Structure formats: structure tokens, C-alpha cells
Amino acid sequence: MKLTVRYLLIIVLQVLLITSFASPPAYSWKISRLNTASNAGYLSPLEKEIILEINKLRSDPARYANEYIAPLAKNYKQRLLHYPGDLPLLTREGVAALNECVRELKRQKPLPLVSPDYGLTKAARDHVRDQSRSGRTGHLGSDRSSMRNRIERYGIWQTRIAENIAYGGKSARQIIVYLLIDDGIRDRGHRKNFLNPELKVVGVATGRHPEYGIMSVMDFAGGFKSKNNEEN
């Protein structure tokens, strides 16, 4: 059994007005197949959109890179990323991280879709509630709980678990794109989590953060059996 934890700070300087930066696709995404969270009534619209973005990525990594990531390259001026509708974001690596991400996604074969899980969602919500109050960042809870501790409160996980956390961002796509680029993260751990074929279920929670405005927690597992026979 293996577990992985990752987080990324996305510092947002103003309220984002997200606009499309990609040309219209030659064909539409098969949303009805990719939107595995559409009937998960316990998820907010943003949380459902995050799962949809993950599944778009996993269903066609090369297309995701071409449509949503590669077009951002022209928006860099040295280390400043001028994200559409946002003030410039100072990155650590500049466009090099984006280009490296695009190259990897173009080589990546399609992956199994992820499905939402209620138990994992509750674990993610615990961390969001905690840091919404404390203003802390990272994977360690104020009660010293780890990602594994929080997940095991609600059931038994299979194969492996992982956690991605983003601070800031206003749209699901921006959150996923920034985590994929993984600027400043040497081992690109967030990207590895998204592209891990062994991770097949996910819990997502979003909420307010005192410093960054919004935070998003994504808890992944190879499989999950909730306590008390709770249904998704």
C-alpha cells in the first residue's frame, strides 16, 4: 500500500474573471460519459466541475494539453504568467514548466476515468473545514491528522491513496491546469497523482480560506469501502 500527499499554492491577486484561452475544439468532449459526478448530490457545482476536468484530462491527455495548457505559453513574460482575466502571477520556472507539462501530456496514453466517492469527500471536507478556520496550509490538520488518518475515519482504502490541495483559483479548469503545470514542484507530484492509473475514485471538497480566498482538496484512492455501508 502506498500513499502520496501534495499541495500547491495558487496565489490569486484579484477576483478572477475566467475566459476561454483556447480555440474552439474540432469536436466536442463527451461530457455525458466524462461527467461521472453529475448525480452526486452531495457535491457542489464547483466540486463536480473539478471531477469533470480531471476526467477530461485522463480521457485524452494530449488534447487537454493542446486545448487548455499550450495556449498559455504566449501569456508568459519571463516568469510572469498573464492568465486571462487575472493580474500577472509570478512563477518560479517561467514557461519552461508549462512546456515540460505539455510534452509529458502529449506522450501520455488515456487513463481510466475517476468516479466520486462519498467517504473520500467527507475526508476532504474535514480538511477544508479545519483550514477554513485555522488559515493553515499543507496536509497536516490542526489536530495533527494526516491525509491517511482523515481517509481512514470513513472507511477502508485499496491499493494506494493520494491527496492534492490547491489554494486560490476560481474555476475548476484553472485549478487543474495550475496543479498540472506544478510550477516549482521538483517531482511534479500533483501531476503524477492526476495521471496515476491506480487511482480510480476521488473525493473533492472546496471552501473558503482566510488567506487565499478558496481552497480545494482532492483525496484519491484505488478503491474505497465506506463504513456503515454508506452509499455514494
C-alpha atoms as a PDB file:
ATOM      1  CA  MET A   1       0.000   0.000   0.000  1.00  0.00           C
ATOM      2  CA  LYS A   2       1.288   3.440  -0.859  1.00  0.00           C
ATOM      3  CA  LEU A   3       0.201   6.972  -0.022  1.00  0.00           C
ATOM      4  CA  THR A   4       1.174  10.275  -1.555  1.00  0.00           C
ATOM      5  CA  VAL A   5       0.471  13.840  -0.477  1.00  0.00           C
ATOM      6  CA  ARG A   6       0.902  17.013  -2.497  1.00  0.00           C
ATOM      7  CA  TYR A   7      -0.230  20.617  -2.359  1.00  0.00           C
ATOM      8  CA  LEU A   8       0.245  23.755  -4.395  1.00  0.00           C
ATOM      9  CA  LEU A   9      -0.249  27.408  -3.504  1.00  0.00           C
ATOM     10  CA  ILE A  10      -2.076  29.305  -6.229  1.00  0.00           C
ATOM     11  CA  ILE A  11      -1.831  32.944  -5.170  1.00  0.00           C
ATOM     12  CA  VAL A  12      -4.655  34.923  -6.710  1.00  0.00           C
ATOM     13  CA  LEU A  13      -4.225  38.703  -6.702  1.00  0.00           C
ATOM     14  CA  GLN A  14      -7.789  39.617  -7.610  1.00  0.00           C
ATOM     15  CA  VAL A  15     -11.168  38.054  -8.241  1.00  0.00           C
ATOM     16  CA  LEU A  16     -10.743  36.081 -11.446  1.00  0.00           C
ATOM     17  CA  LEU A  17     -12.898  36.579 -14.481  1.00  0.00           C
ATOM     18  CA  ILE A  18     -12.029  33.400 -16.309  1.00  0.00           C
ATOM     19  CA  THR A  19     -12.280  33.481 -20.077  1.00  0.00           C
ATOM     20  CA  SER A  20     -11.520  30.800 -22.599  1.00  0.00           C
ATOM     21  CA  PHE A  21      -7.971  30.966 -23.897  1.00  0.00           C
ATOM     22  CA  ALA A  22      -8.229  28.070 -26.332  1.00  0.00           C
ATOM     23  CA  SER A  23      -9.608  27.953 -29.836  1.00  0.00           C
ATOM     24  CA  PRO A  24     -12.894  26.092 -30.202  1.00  0.00           C
ATOM     25  CA  PRO A  25     -12.226  22.343 -30.347  1.00  0.00           C
ATOM     26  CA  ALA A  26     -12.654  20.473 -33.592  1.00  0.00           C
ATOM     27  CA  TYR A  27     -15.054  18.121 -31.811  1.00  0.00           C
ATOM     28  CA  SER A  28     -16.854  18.290 -28.500  1.00  0.00           C
ATOM     29  CA  TRP A  29     -15.917  16.430 -25.354  1.00  0.00           C
ATOM     30  CA  LYS A  30     -18.234  13.543 -24.476  1.00  0.00           C
ATOM     31  CA  ILE A  31     -19.493  15.219 -21.330  1.00  0.00           C
ATOM     32  CA  SER A  32     -22.198  12.650 -20.642  1.00  0.00           C
ATOM     33  CA  ARG A  33     -19.517   9.971 -20.261  1.00  0.00           C
ATOM     34  CA  LEU A  34     -16.912  12.135 -18.520  1.00  0.00           C
ATOM     35  CA  ASN A  35     -19.241  13.767 -16.005  1.00  0.00           C
ATOM     36  CA  THR A  36     -19.200  10.867 -13.542  1.00  0.00           C
ATOM     37  CA  ALA A  37     -20.192  13.218 -10.695  1.00  0.00           C
ATOM     38  CA  SER A  38     -23.329  14.535 -12.368  1.00  0.00           C
ATOM     39  CA  ASN A  39     -25.658  12.674  -9.980  1.00  0.00           C
ATOM     40  CA  ALA A  40     -23.576  13.150  -6.832  1.00  0.00           C
ATOM     41  CA  GLY A  41     -25.967  15.419  -4.949  1.00  0.00           C
ATOM     42  CA  TYR A  42     -23.537  15.877  -2.062  1.00  0.00           C
ATOM     43  CA  LEU A  43     -21.099  17.782  -4.298  1.00  0.00           C
ATOM     44  CA  SER A  44     -21.247  21.499  -5.128  1.00  0.00           C
ATOM     45  CA  PRO A  45     -21.206  22.637  -8.776  1.00  0.00           C
ATOM     46  CA  LEU A  46     -17.515  23.589  -8.496  1.00  0.00           C
ATOM     47  CA  GLU A  47     -16.639  20.215  -6.977  1.00  0.00           C
ATOM     48  CA  LYS A  48     -18.433  18.414  -9.809  1.00  0.00           C
ATOM     49  CA  GLU A  49     -16.602  20.575 -12.339  1.00  0.00           C
ATOM     50  CA  ILE A  50     -13.247  19.653 -10.790  1.00  0.00           C
ATOM     51  CA  ILE A  51     -14.013  15.945 -11.289  1.00  0.00           C
ATOM     52  CA  LEU A  52     -15.144  16.644 -14.844  1.00  0.00           C
ATOM     53  CA  GLU A  53     -11.869  18.439 -15.587  1.00  0.00           C
ATOM     54  CA  ILE A  54      -9.873  15.538 -14.143  1.00  0.00           C
ATOM     55  CA  ASN A  55     -11.776  13.135 -16.385  1.00  0.00           C
ATOM     56  CA  LYS A  56     -11.296  15.284 -19.469  1.00  0.00           C
ATOM     57  CA  LEU A  57      -7.576  15.218 -18.721  1.00  0.00           C
ATOM     58  CA  ARG A  58      -7.483  11.462 -18.155  1.00  0.00           C
ATOM     59  CA  SER A  59      -9.629  10.603 -21.177  1.00  0.00           C
ATOM     60  CA  ASP A  60      -7.381  12.481 -23.616  1.00  0.00           C
ATOM     61  CA  PRO A  61      -4.225  13.977 -22.048  1.00  0.00           C
ATOM     62  CA  ALA A  62      -2.801  15.204 -25.355  1.00  0.00           C
ATOM     63  CA  ARG A  63      -5.982  17.014 -26.309  1.00  0.00           C
ATOM     64  CA  TYR A  64      -6.242  18.560 -22.841  1.00  0.00           C
ATOM     65  CA  ALA A  65      -2.701  19.880 -23.193  1.00  0.00           C
ATOM     66  CA  ASN A  66      -3.302  21.269 -26.667  1.00  0.00           C
ATOM     67  CA  GLU A  67      -6.594  22.974 -25.843  1.00  0.00           C
ATOM     68  CA  TYR A  68      -6.124  24.251 -22.317  1.00  0.00           C
ATOM     69  CA  ILE A  69      -2.425  24.407 -21.424  1.00  0.00           C
ATOM     70  CA  ALA A  70      -0.299  25.022 -24.522  1.00  0.00           C
ATOM     71  CA  PRO A  71      -2.152  28.266 -25.452  1.00  0.00           C
ATOM     72  CA  LEU A  72      -0.980  29.816 -22.174  1.00  0.00           C
ATOM     73  CA  ALA A  73       2.647  29.788 -23.354  1.00  0.00           C
ATOM     74  CA  LYS A  74       2.172  33.077 -25.182  1.00  0.00           C
ATOM     75  CA  ASN A  75       0.965  34.691 -21.962  1.00  0.00           C
ATOM     76  CA  TYR A  76       4.335  34.458 -20.210  1.00  0.00           C
ATOM     77  CA  LYS A  77       6.690  37.403 -19.981  1.00  0.00           C
ATOM     78  CA  GLN A  78       9.797  35.966 -18.412  1.00  0.00           C
ATOM     79  CA  ARG A  79       8.485  34.495 -15.131  1.00  0.00           C
ATOM     80  CA  LEU A  80       5.183  36.375 -15.152  1.00  0.00           C
ATOM     81  CA  LEU A  81       2.131  34.428 -16.281  1.00  0.00           C
ATOM     82  CA  HIS A  82      -0.655  36.679 -17.542  1.00  0.00           C
ATOM     83  CA  TYR A  83      -3.580  34.343 -17.035  1.00  0.00           C
ATOM     84  CA  PRO A  84      -6.658  35.601 -18.913  1.00  0.00           C
ATOM     85  CA  GLY A  85      -8.755  37.842 -16.675  1.00  0.00           C
ATOM     86  CA  ASP A  86      -6.189  37.857 -13.882  1.00  0.00           C
ATOM     87  CA  LEU A  87      -3.316  40.016 -12.748  1.00  0.00           C
ATOM     88  CA  PRO A  88       0.145  38.605 -13.553  1.00  0.00           C
ATOM     89  CA  LEU A  89       1.243  35.620 -11.478  1.00  0.00           C
ATOM     90  CA  LEU A  90       4.941  35.389 -10.624  1.00  0.00           C
ATOM     91  CA  THR A  91       6.044  31.813 -11.272  1.00  0.00           C
ATOM     92  CA  ARG A  92       9.303  30.155 -10.258  1.00  0.00           C
ATOM     93  CA  GLU A  93      10.209  28.480 -13.538  1.00  0.00           C
ATOM     94  CA  GLY A  94       8.523  30.583 -16.185  1.00  0.00           C
ATOM     95  CA  VAL A  95       7.232  28.955 -19.358  1.00  0.00           C
ATOM     96  CA  ALA A  96       9.650  26.020 -19.040  1.00  0.00           C
ATOM     97  CA  ALA A  97       7.348  24.241 -16.577  1.00  0.00           C
ATOM     98  CA  LEU A  98       4.380  24.660 -18.901  1.00  0.00           C
ATOM     99  CA  ASN A  99       6.309  23.370 -21.921  1.00  0.00           C
ATOM    100  CA  GLU A 100       7.522  20.361 -19.964  1.00  0.00           C
ATOM    101  CA  CYS A 101       3.946  19.632 -18.866  1.00  0.00           C
ATOM    102  CA  VAL A 102       2.661  19.804 -22.444  1.00  0.00           C
ATOM    103  CA  ARG A 103       5.361  17.428 -23.658  1.00  0.00           C
ATOM    104  CA  GLU A 104       4.513  14.878 -20.980  1.00  0.00           C
ATOM    105  CA  LEU A 105       0.772  15.036 -21.590  1.00  0.00           C
ATOM    106  CA  LYS A 106       1.269  14.577 -25.324  1.00  0.00           C
ATOM    107  CA  ARG A 107       3.110  11.317 -24.585  1.00  0.00           C
ATOM    108  CA  GLN A 108       0.580  10.118 -22.002  1.00  0.00           C
ATOM    109  CA  LYS A 109      -1.909   7.438 -23.014  1.00  0.00           C
ATOM    110  CA  PRO A 110      -5.566   7.744 -21.937  1.00  0.00           C
ATOM    111  CA  LEU A 111      -6.325   6.672 -18.384  1.00  0.00           C
ATOM    112  CA  PRO A 112      -9.378   5.240 -16.610  1.00  0.00           C
ATOM    113  CA  LEU A 113     -11.909   7.830 -15.507  1.00  0.00           C
ATOM    114  CA  VAL A 114     -12.289   8.615 -11.815  1.00  0.00           C
ATOM    115  CA  SER A 115     -15.615   8.364 -10.012  1.00  0.00           C
ATOM    116  CA  PRO A 116     -16.733  10.366  -6.971  1.00  0.00           C
ATOM    117  CA  ASP A 117     -16.785   8.716  -3.569  1.00  0.00           C
ATOM    118  CA  TYR A 118     -18.761   9.996  -0.588  1.00  0.00           C
ATOM    119  CA  GLY A 119     -16.391   8.690   2.085  1.00  0.00           C
ATOM    120  CA  LEU A 120     -13.376  10.309   0.437  1.00  0.00           C
ATOM    121  CA  THR A 121     -15.389  13.502   0.035  1.00  0.00           C
ATOM    122  CA  LYS A 122     -16.053  13.570   3.781  1.00  0.00           C
ATOM    123  CA  ALA A 123     -12.334  13.183   4.445  1.00  0.00           C
ATOM    124  CA  ALA A 124     -11.597  16.091   2.104  1.00  0.00           C
ATOM    125  CA  ARG A 125     -14.310  18.203   3.763  1.00  0.00           C
ATOM    126  CA  ASP A 126     -12.742  17.654   7.172  1.00  0.00           C
ATOM    127  CA  HIS A 127      -9.516  19.240   5.963  1.00  0.00           C
ATOM    128  CA  VAL A 128     -11.290  22.131   4.258  1.00  0.00           C
ATOM    129  CA  ARG A 129     -13.308  22.910   7.404  1.00  0.00           C
ATOM    130  CA  ASP A 130     -10.181  22.749   9.527  1.00  0.00           C
ATOM    131  CA  GLN A 131      -8.081  25.084   7.377  1.00  0.00           C
ATOM    132  CA  SER A 132     -11.015  27.416   6.743  1.00  0.00           C
ATOM    133  CA  ARG A 133     -10.925  28.086  10.471  1.00  0.00           C
ATOM    134  CA  SER A 134      -7.183  27.939  11.112  1.00  0.00           C
ATOM    135  CA  GLY A 135      -5.853  29.569   7.939  1.00  0.00           C
ATOM    136  CA  ARG A 136      -3.119  26.959   7.752  1.00  0.00           C
ATOM    137  CA  THR A 137      -1.867  25.294   4.579  1.00  0.00           C
ATOM    138  CA  GLY A 138      -0.478  21.836   3.901  1.00  0.00           C
ATOM    139  CA  HIS A 139      -1.591  18.295   4.578  1.00  0.00           C
ATOM    140  CA  LEU A 140      -1.317  18.208   8.358  1.00  0.00           C
ATOM    141  CA  GLY A 141      -4.514  19.010  10.217  1.00  0.00           C
ATOM    142  CA  SER A 142      -4.640  21.215  13.299  1.00  0.00           C
ATOM    143  CA  ASP A 143      -5.429  18.002  15.225  1.00  0.00           C
ATOM    144  CA  ARG A 144      -2.202  16.518  13.772  1.00  0.00           C
ATOM    145  CA  SER A 145      -4.220  14.299  11.435  1.00  0.00           C
ATOM    146  CA  SER A 146      -2.594  13.167   8.213  1.00  0.00           C
ATOM    147  CA  MET A 147      -4.326  12.569   4.927  1.00  0.00           C
ATOM    148  CA  ARG A 148      -4.350   8.871   5.775  1.00  0.00           C
ATOM    149  CA  ASN A 149      -5.894   9.497   9.199  1.00  0.00           C
ATOM    150  CA  ARG A 150      -8.721  11.532   7.696  1.00  0.00           C
ATOM    151  CA  ILE A 151      -9.467   8.993   4.972  1.00  0.00           C
ATOM    152  CA  GLU A 152      -9.460   6.060   7.387  1.00  0.00           C
ATOM    153  CA  ARG A 153     -12.076   7.777   9.572  1.00  0.00           C
ATOM    154  CA  TYR A 154     -14.626   6.923   6.915  1.00  0.00           C
ATOM    155  CA  GLY A 155     -13.630   3.560   5.528  1.00  0.00           C
ATOM    156  CA  ILE A 156     -11.026   1.223   4.100  1.00  0.00           C
ATOM    157  CA  TRP A 157      -8.948   2.250   1.088  1.00  0.00           C
ATOM    158  CA  GLN A 158      -7.434  -0.047  -1.520  1.00  0.00           C
ATOM    159  CA  THR A 159      -4.131  -0.066  -3.448  1.00  0.00           C
ATOM    160  CA  ARG A 160      -2.955   3.469  -2.673  1.00  0.00           C
ATOM    161  CA  ILE A 161      -4.138   6.918  -1.641  1.00  0.00           C
ATOM    162  CA  ALA A 162      -3.033  10.422  -2.612  1.00  0.00           C
ATOM    163  CA  GLU A 163      -4.028  14.000  -1.953  1.00  0.00           C
ATOM    164  CA  ASN A 164      -3.791  17.196  -3.992  1.00  0.00           C
ATOM    165  CA  ILE A 165      -4.551  20.574  -2.429  1.00  0.00           C
ATOM    166  CA  ALA A 166      -4.848  23.906  -4.225  1.00  0.00           C
ATOM    167  CA  TYR A 167      -5.113  27.301  -2.576  1.00  0.00           C
ATOM    168  CA  GLY A 168      -6.658  30.002  -4.749  1.00  0.00           C
ATOM    169  CA  GLY A 169      -8.282  29.898  -8.147  1.00  0.00           C
ATOM    170  CA  LYS A 170     -11.894  30.475  -9.100  1.00  0.00           C
ATOM    171  CA  SER A 171     -12.576  27.913 -11.818  1.00  0.00           C
ATOM    172  CA  ALA A 172     -12.142  24.159 -11.899  1.00  0.00           C
ATOM    173  CA  ARG A 173     -10.060  24.357 -15.058  1.00  0.00           C
ATOM    174  CA  GLN A 174      -7.644  26.893 -13.628  1.00  0.00           C
ATOM    175  CA  ILE A 175      -7.187  24.798 -10.506  1.00  0.00           C
ATOM    176  CA  ILE A 176      -6.425  21.649 -12.516  1.00  0.00           C
ATOM    177  CA  VAL A 177      -4.183  23.419 -15.033  1.00  0.00           C
ATOM    178  CA  TYR A 178      -2.052  25.032 -12.336  1.00  0.00           C
ATOM    179  CA  LEU A 179      -1.671  21.733 -10.493  1.00  0.00           C
ATOM    180  CA  LEU A 180      -0.695  20.018 -13.742  1.00  0.00           C
ATOM    181  CA  ILE A 181       1.961  22.596 -14.571  1.00  0.00           C
ATOM    182  CA  ASP A 182       3.213  22.134 -10.999  1.00  0.00           C
ATOM    183  CA  ASP A 183       5.481  25.166 -11.154  1.00  0.00           C
ATOM    184  CA  GLY A 184       8.259  24.969  -8.568  1.00  0.00           C
ATOM    185  CA  ILE A 185       7.482  21.374  -7.551  1.00  0.00           C
ATOM    186  CA  ARG A 186      10.563  19.336  -8.423  1.00  0.00           C
ATOM    187  CA  ASP A 187       8.948  15.905  -8.752  1.00  0.00           C
ATOM    188  CA  ARG A 188       5.683  17.196 -10.305  1.00  0.00           C
ATOM    189  CA  GLY A 189       3.810  15.269  -7.639  1.00  0.00           C
ATOM    190  CA  HIS A 190       0.384  16.807  -8.314  1.00  0.00           C
ATOM    191  CA  ARG A 191       0.647  15.871 -11.963  1.00  0.00           C
ATOM    192  CA  LYS A 192       1.707  12.347 -11.063  1.00  0.00           C
ATOM    193  CA  ASN A 193      -1.369  11.952  -8.892  1.00  0.00           C
ATOM    194  CA  PHE A 194      -3.679  13.064 -11.690  1.00  0.00           C
ATOM    195  CA  LEU A 195      -2.000  10.662 -14.132  1.00  0.00           C
ATOM    196  CA  ASN A 196      -1.770   7.637 -11.851  1.00  0.00           C
ATOM    197  CA  PRO A 197      -3.843   4.810 -13.391  1.00  0.00           C
ATOM    198  CA  GLU A 198      -4.166   3.083  -9.998  1.00  0.00           C
ATOM    199  CA  LEU A 199      -6.214   5.976  -8.573  1.00  0.00           C
ATOM    200  CA  LYS A 200      -9.832   5.398  -9.604  1.00  0.00           C
ATOM    201  CA  VAL A 201     -12.054   7.133  -7.032  1.00  0.00           C
ATOM    202  CA  VAL A 202     -11.885  10.666  -5.672  1.00  0.00           C
ATOM    203  CA  GLY A 203     -13.432  12.889  -3.046  1.00  0.00           C
ATOM    204  CA  VAL A 204     -13.436  16.631  -3.658  1.00  0.00           C
ATOM    205  CA  ALA A 205     -14.189  19.459  -1.250  1.00  0.00           C
ATOM    206  CA  THR A 206     -13.893  23.199  -1.735  1.00  0.00           C
ATOM    207  CA  GLY A 207     -14.330  26.051   0.700  1.00  0.00           C
ATOM    208  CA  ARG A 208     -13.147  29.441   1.837  1.00  0.00           C
ATOM    209  CA  HIS A 209      -9.607  30.040   3.035  1.00  0.00           C
ATOM    210  CA  PRO A 210      -8.730  33.128   5.114  1.00  0.00           C
ATOM    211  CA  GLU A 211      -5.630  33.973   3.089  1.00  0.00           C
ATOM    212  CA  TYR A 212      -6.148  32.541  -0.390  1.00  0.00           C
ATOM    213  CA  GLY A 213      -9.876  33.005  -0.784  1.00  0.00           C
ATOM    214  CA  ILE A 214     -10.655  29.445  -1.791  1.00  0.00           C
ATOM    215  CA  MET A 215      -9.096  26.048  -1.248  1.00  0.00           C
ATOM    216  CA  SER A 216      -9.720  22.715  -2.931  1.00  0.00           C
ATOM    217  CA  VAL A 217      -8.873  19.277  -1.551  1.00  0.00           C
ATOM    218  CA  MET A 218      -8.841  16.175  -3.756  1.00  0.00           C
ATOM    219  CA  ASP A 219      -8.462  12.813  -1.979  1.00  0.00           C
ATOM    220  CA  PHE A 220      -7.802   9.844  -4.282  1.00  0.00           C
ATOM    221  CA  ALA A 221      -7.780   6.079  -3.778  1.00  0.00           C
ATOM    222  CA  GLY A 222      -7.554   2.934  -5.844  1.00  0.00           C
ATOM    223  CA  GLY A 223     -10.838   1.904  -4.265  1.00  0.00           C
ATOM    224  CA  PHE A 224     -12.787   2.727  -1.125  1.00  0.00           C
ATOM    225  CA  LYS A 225     -15.280   0.893   1.078  1.00  0.00           C
ATOM    226  CA  SER A 226     -17.146   3.276   3.364  1.00  0.00           C
ATOM    227  CA  LYS A 227     -18.056   2.446   6.932  1.00  0.00           C
ATOM    228  CA  ASN A 228     -21.702   1.830   7.818  1.00  0.00           C
ATOM    229  CA  ASN A 229     -22.453   0.849   4.195  1.00  0.00           C
ATOM    230  CA  GLU A 230     -22.862   4.486   3.161  1.00  0.00           C
ATOM    231  CA  GLU A 231     -23.789   4.959  -0.456  1.00  0.00           C
ATOM    232  CA  ASN A 232     -22.313   7.459  -2.872  1.00  0.00           C
END
